[in-house]
N, C-alpha and C. Protein backbone atom coordinates (compact mmCIF):
# COMPACT_ATOMS: atom_id res chain seq x y z
N UNK A 1 -3.35 3.52 31.53
CA UNK A 1 -2.62 2.26 31.41
C UNK A 1 -2.49 1.60 32.65
N UNK A 2 -2.88 0.49 32.65
CA UNK A 2 -2.28 -0.13 33.99
C UNK A 2 -0.87 -0.48 34.05
N UNK A 3 -0.28 -0.42 35.44
CA UNK A 3 1.06 -0.53 35.62
C UNK A 3 1.90 0.75 35.39
N UNK A 4 1.31 1.60 34.68
CA UNK A 4 2.18 2.79 34.80
C UNK A 4 2.44 3.65 35.71
N UNK A 5 1.45 3.68 36.86
CA UNK A 5 1.64 4.35 38.13
C UNK A 5 2.90 4.22 38.82
N UNK A 6 3.53 2.87 38.70
CA UNK A 6 4.48 2.34 39.30
C UNK A 6 5.97 3.01 38.94
N UNK A 7 5.89 3.71 37.72
CA UNK A 7 7.19 4.31 37.13
C UNK A 7 7.41 5.57 37.47
N UNK A 8 6.63 6.28 38.31
CA UNK A 8 6.72 7.90 38.62
C UNK A 8 7.90 7.84 39.49
N UNK A 9 8.26 6.90 40.42
CA UNK A 9 9.45 7.25 41.26
C UNK A 9 10.62 7.07 40.52
N UNK A 10 10.70 6.42 39.25
CA UNK A 10 12.03 6.41 38.41
C UNK A 10 12.19 7.80 37.77
N UNK A 11 11.26 8.58 37.37
CA UNK A 11 11.35 9.71 36.91
C UNK A 11 11.87 10.88 38.03
N UNK A 12 11.59 10.55 39.26
CA UNK A 12 11.96 11.76 40.12
C UNK A 12 13.32 12.23 40.20
N UNK A 13 14.40 11.46 39.78
CA UNK A 13 15.59 11.94 39.64
C UNK A 13 15.79 12.95 38.67
N UNK A 14 14.88 12.89 37.62
CA UNK A 14 15.08 14.04 36.49
C UNK A 14 14.31 15.22 36.96
N UNK A 15 13.36 15.15 38.03
CA UNK A 15 12.60 16.28 38.30
C UNK A 15 13.31 16.96 39.53
N UNK A 16 14.36 16.46 40.11
CA UNK A 16 15.20 16.95 41.26
C UNK A 16 15.62 18.24 40.80
N UNK A 17 15.70 19.28 41.55
CA UNK A 17 16.34 20.59 41.00
C UNK A 17 17.83 20.26 41.26
N UNK A 18 18.62 20.76 40.09
CA UNK A 18 20.02 20.54 40.23
C UNK A 18 20.53 22.07 40.06
N UNK A 19 21.65 22.46 40.59
CA UNK A 19 22.21 23.82 40.76
C UNK A 19 23.33 23.79 39.54
N UNK A 20 23.16 24.78 38.49
CA UNK A 20 24.36 24.73 37.60
C UNK A 20 25.55 25.59 38.02
N UNK A 21 26.69 25.18 37.75
CA UNK A 21 27.92 25.96 37.99
C UNK A 21 28.06 27.14 37.29
N UNK A 22 29.04 27.86 37.50
CA UNK A 22 29.04 29.34 36.86
C UNK A 22 29.08 29.20 35.27
N UNK A 23 29.72 28.16 34.70
CA UNK A 23 30.00 28.22 33.34
C UNK A 23 28.55 27.86 32.64
N UNK A 24 27.89 26.78 33.20
CA UNK A 24 26.43 26.58 32.73
C UNK A 24 25.49 27.67 33.03
N UNK A 25 25.51 28.24 34.03
CA UNK A 25 24.75 29.59 34.45
C UNK A 25 24.81 30.47 33.50
N UNK A 26 25.88 30.66 32.91
CA UNK A 26 26.17 31.65 31.62
C UNK A 26 25.24 31.36 30.67
N UNK A 27 24.73 30.21 30.42
CA UNK A 27 23.91 29.77 29.39
C UNK A 27 22.35 29.73 29.74
N UNK A 28 22.12 29.06 31.04
CA UNK A 28 20.86 29.01 31.42
C UNK A 28 20.17 29.72 32.51
N UNK A 29 20.97 30.33 33.19
CA UNK A 29 20.81 31.36 34.24
C UNK A 29 21.17 30.44 35.61
N UNK A 30 21.18 30.90 36.71
CA UNK A 30 21.60 30.42 38.14
C UNK A 30 20.55 29.75 38.70
N UNK A 31 19.40 29.72 38.45
CA UNK A 31 18.40 28.95 39.34
C UNK A 31 18.61 27.49 39.19
N UNK A 32 18.14 26.69 40.31
CA UNK A 32 18.19 25.36 40.41
C UNK A 32 17.08 24.89 39.45
N UNK A 33 17.33 23.98 38.58
CA UNK A 33 16.22 23.35 37.71
C UNK A 33 16.31 22.14 37.64
N UNK A 34 15.28 21.33 37.18
CA UNK A 34 15.19 19.95 37.10
C UNK A 34 16.07 19.58 35.78
N UNK A 35 16.77 18.60 35.44
CA UNK A 35 17.54 18.08 34.42
C UNK A 35 16.72 18.26 33.21
N UNK A 36 15.49 17.94 33.17
CA UNK A 36 14.63 18.17 32.04
C UNK A 36 14.59 19.65 31.51
N UNK A 37 14.40 20.39 32.39
CA UNK A 37 14.44 21.96 31.99
C UNK A 37 15.85 22.59 31.73
N UNK A 38 16.98 21.88 32.33
CA UNK A 38 18.26 22.26 31.89
C UNK A 38 18.49 22.01 30.50
N UNK A 39 17.98 20.75 30.09
CA UNK A 39 18.15 20.34 28.63
C UNK A 39 17.33 21.09 27.77
N UNK A 40 16.11 21.40 28.15
CA UNK A 40 15.13 22.36 27.36
C UNK A 40 15.89 23.69 27.22
N UNK A 41 16.60 24.37 28.09
CA UNK A 41 17.07 25.66 28.03
C UNK A 41 18.34 25.65 27.25
N UNK A 42 19.08 24.61 27.26
CA UNK A 42 20.27 24.56 26.47
C UNK A 42 19.96 24.35 25.06
N UNK A 43 18.94 23.53 24.54
CA UNK A 43 18.30 23.52 23.28
C UNK A 43 17.88 24.82 22.82
N UNK A 44 17.19 25.71 23.56
CA UNK A 44 16.71 26.92 23.37
C UNK A 44 17.92 27.88 22.89
N UNK A 45 18.91 27.62 23.62
CA UNK A 45 20.06 28.48 23.44
C UNK A 45 20.62 28.16 21.98
N UNK A 46 20.86 26.89 21.94
CA UNK A 46 21.56 26.40 20.62
C UNK A 46 20.69 26.84 19.55
N UNK A 47 19.50 26.78 19.29
CA UNK A 47 18.63 27.04 18.35
C UNK A 47 18.72 28.79 18.12
N UNK A 48 18.38 29.53 19.38
CA UNK A 48 18.50 31.02 19.35
C UNK A 48 19.80 31.36 18.60
N UNK A 49 21.10 30.69 18.96
CA UNK A 49 22.47 31.11 18.41
C UNK A 49 22.73 30.28 17.12
N UNK A 50 21.76 29.46 16.49
CA UNK A 50 22.04 28.77 15.25
C UNK A 50 23.33 28.06 15.43
N UNK A 51 23.41 27.17 16.39
CA UNK A 51 24.71 26.25 16.75
C UNK A 51 24.70 24.93 16.33
N UNK A 52 23.64 24.46 15.66
CA UNK A 52 23.42 23.02 15.19
C UNK A 52 24.24 23.16 13.73
N UNK A 53 25.02 22.16 13.57
CA UNK A 53 25.52 21.97 12.21
C UNK A 53 24.59 21.67 11.12
N UNK A 54 24.46 22.56 10.10
CA UNK A 54 23.47 22.36 9.24
C UNK A 54 23.58 21.15 8.33
N UNK A 55 24.88 20.56 8.21
CA UNK A 55 24.93 19.38 7.48
C UNK A 55 24.53 18.02 8.35
N UNK A 56 24.80 18.24 9.76
CA UNK A 56 24.60 17.18 10.70
C UNK A 56 23.95 17.76 11.91
N UNK A 57 22.73 17.68 12.05
CA UNK A 57 21.72 18.18 12.98
C UNK A 57 22.24 17.71 14.45
N UNK A 58 22.90 16.48 14.51
CA UNK A 58 23.39 15.88 15.55
C UNK A 58 24.56 16.70 16.32
N UNK A 59 25.23 17.40 15.60
CA UNK A 59 26.30 18.02 16.17
C UNK A 59 26.15 19.36 16.53
N UNK A 60 26.70 19.89 17.59
CA UNK A 60 26.50 21.04 18.07
C UNK A 60 27.80 21.72 18.00
N UNK A 61 27.71 23.04 17.46
CA UNK A 61 29.10 23.95 17.31
C UNK A 61 29.02 24.75 18.69
N UNK A 62 30.17 24.94 19.22
CA UNK A 62 30.25 25.58 20.46
C UNK A 62 30.73 27.16 20.13
N UNK A 63 29.90 27.97 20.92
CA UNK A 63 30.28 29.46 20.89
C UNK A 63 31.28 29.51 22.28
N UNK A 64 31.74 30.65 22.60
CA UNK A 64 32.39 30.63 23.85
C UNK A 64 31.80 30.26 25.10
N UNK A 65 30.51 30.68 25.19
CA UNK A 65 29.93 30.09 26.33
C UNK A 65 29.76 28.39 26.38
N UNK A 66 29.48 27.86 25.39
CA UNK A 66 29.40 26.55 25.38
C UNK A 66 30.75 25.69 25.42
N UNK A 67 31.69 26.49 24.77
CA UNK A 67 33.17 25.67 25.02
C UNK A 67 33.48 25.58 26.43
N UNK A 68 33.05 26.54 27.27
CA UNK A 68 33.29 26.24 28.79
C UNK A 68 32.71 25.10 29.36
N UNK A 69 31.47 24.82 28.74
CA UNK A 69 30.78 23.45 29.17
C UNK A 69 31.26 22.29 28.45
N UNK A 70 31.72 22.46 27.40
CA UNK A 70 32.15 21.28 26.51
C UNK A 70 33.67 21.09 26.73
N UNK A 71 34.27 21.52 27.71
CA UNK A 71 35.76 21.26 28.04
C UNK A 71 36.70 21.84 26.98
N UNK A 72 36.27 22.82 26.17
CA UNK A 72 36.97 23.55 25.36
C UNK A 72 36.86 22.99 23.78
N UNK A 73 35.98 21.98 23.70
CA UNK A 73 35.83 21.48 22.38
C UNK A 73 35.08 22.32 21.51
N UNK A 74 35.57 22.40 20.29
CA UNK A 74 34.72 23.30 19.08
C UNK A 74 33.35 22.84 18.88
N UNK A 75 33.12 21.22 19.00
CA UNK A 75 32.00 20.97 18.43
C UNK A 75 31.75 19.36 19.26
N UNK A 76 30.51 19.17 19.70
CA UNK A 76 30.18 17.74 20.26
C UNK A 76 29.03 17.24 19.57
N UNK A 77 28.74 15.86 19.69
CA UNK A 77 27.36 15.24 19.37
C UNK A 77 26.49 15.59 20.35
N UNK A 78 25.17 15.54 20.22
CA UNK A 78 24.12 15.96 20.98
C UNK A 78 24.05 14.81 22.24
N UNK A 79 24.65 13.71 21.87
CA UNK A 79 24.76 12.76 22.91
C UNK A 79 25.97 13.05 23.95
N UNK A 80 26.97 13.39 23.38
CA UNK A 80 28.20 13.65 24.15
C UNK A 80 27.74 15.02 25.07
N UNK A 81 27.00 16.05 24.51
CA UNK A 81 26.73 17.19 25.25
C UNK A 81 26.00 16.73 26.44
N UNK A 82 24.98 15.80 26.57
CA UNK A 82 24.40 15.66 27.70
C UNK A 82 25.34 15.18 28.88
N UNK A 83 26.20 14.31 28.50
CA UNK A 83 27.14 13.93 29.45
C UNK A 83 28.10 15.07 29.95
N UNK A 84 28.56 16.01 29.15
CA UNK A 84 29.29 17.01 29.39
C UNK A 84 28.43 18.02 30.23
N UNK A 85 27.27 18.24 29.80
CA UNK A 85 26.40 19.16 30.87
C UNK A 85 26.13 18.70 32.08
N UNK A 86 26.06 17.33 32.30
CA UNK A 86 25.84 16.57 33.74
C UNK A 86 27.01 17.08 34.69
N UNK A 87 28.15 17.26 33.97
CA UNK A 87 29.30 17.61 34.79
C UNK A 87 29.29 19.09 35.56
N UNK A 88 28.37 19.64 35.08
CA UNK A 88 28.37 21.14 35.66
C UNK A 88 27.11 21.46 36.32
N UNK A 89 26.38 20.22 36.92
CA UNK A 89 25.26 20.28 37.66
C UNK A 89 25.54 19.61 39.00
N UNK A 90 25.15 20.08 40.07
CA UNK A 90 25.10 19.55 41.47
C UNK A 90 23.97 19.60 41.97
N UNK A 91 23.52 18.69 42.98
CA UNK A 91 22.31 18.93 43.71
C UNK A 91 22.00 20.20 44.35
N UNK A 92 20.94 20.77 44.26
CA UNK A 92 20.59 22.12 44.75
C UNK A 92 20.35 21.80 46.39
N UNK A 93 20.54 22.62 47.06
CA UNK A 93 20.41 22.55 48.70
C UNK A 93 19.56 23.65 49.16
């Protein structure tokens, strides 16, 4: 499609490797990853441990590892989760 090639630079921030802190590394590992991969790995963890609320799939129930990421909250919405996870990432060096 014409005009789409100009948008590649806007996605480069999502592809920049980010270093997870110790709490997040307990869930996704300690290797620097792009935000897209961080999100994918968190969702893999949530599904593997059956942490979505069965009545409301948008709500994530935290186990001990996720509580450390979620600021001690027992559950968060998937939209809130993204914001909380970003607090545990810094630029990889």
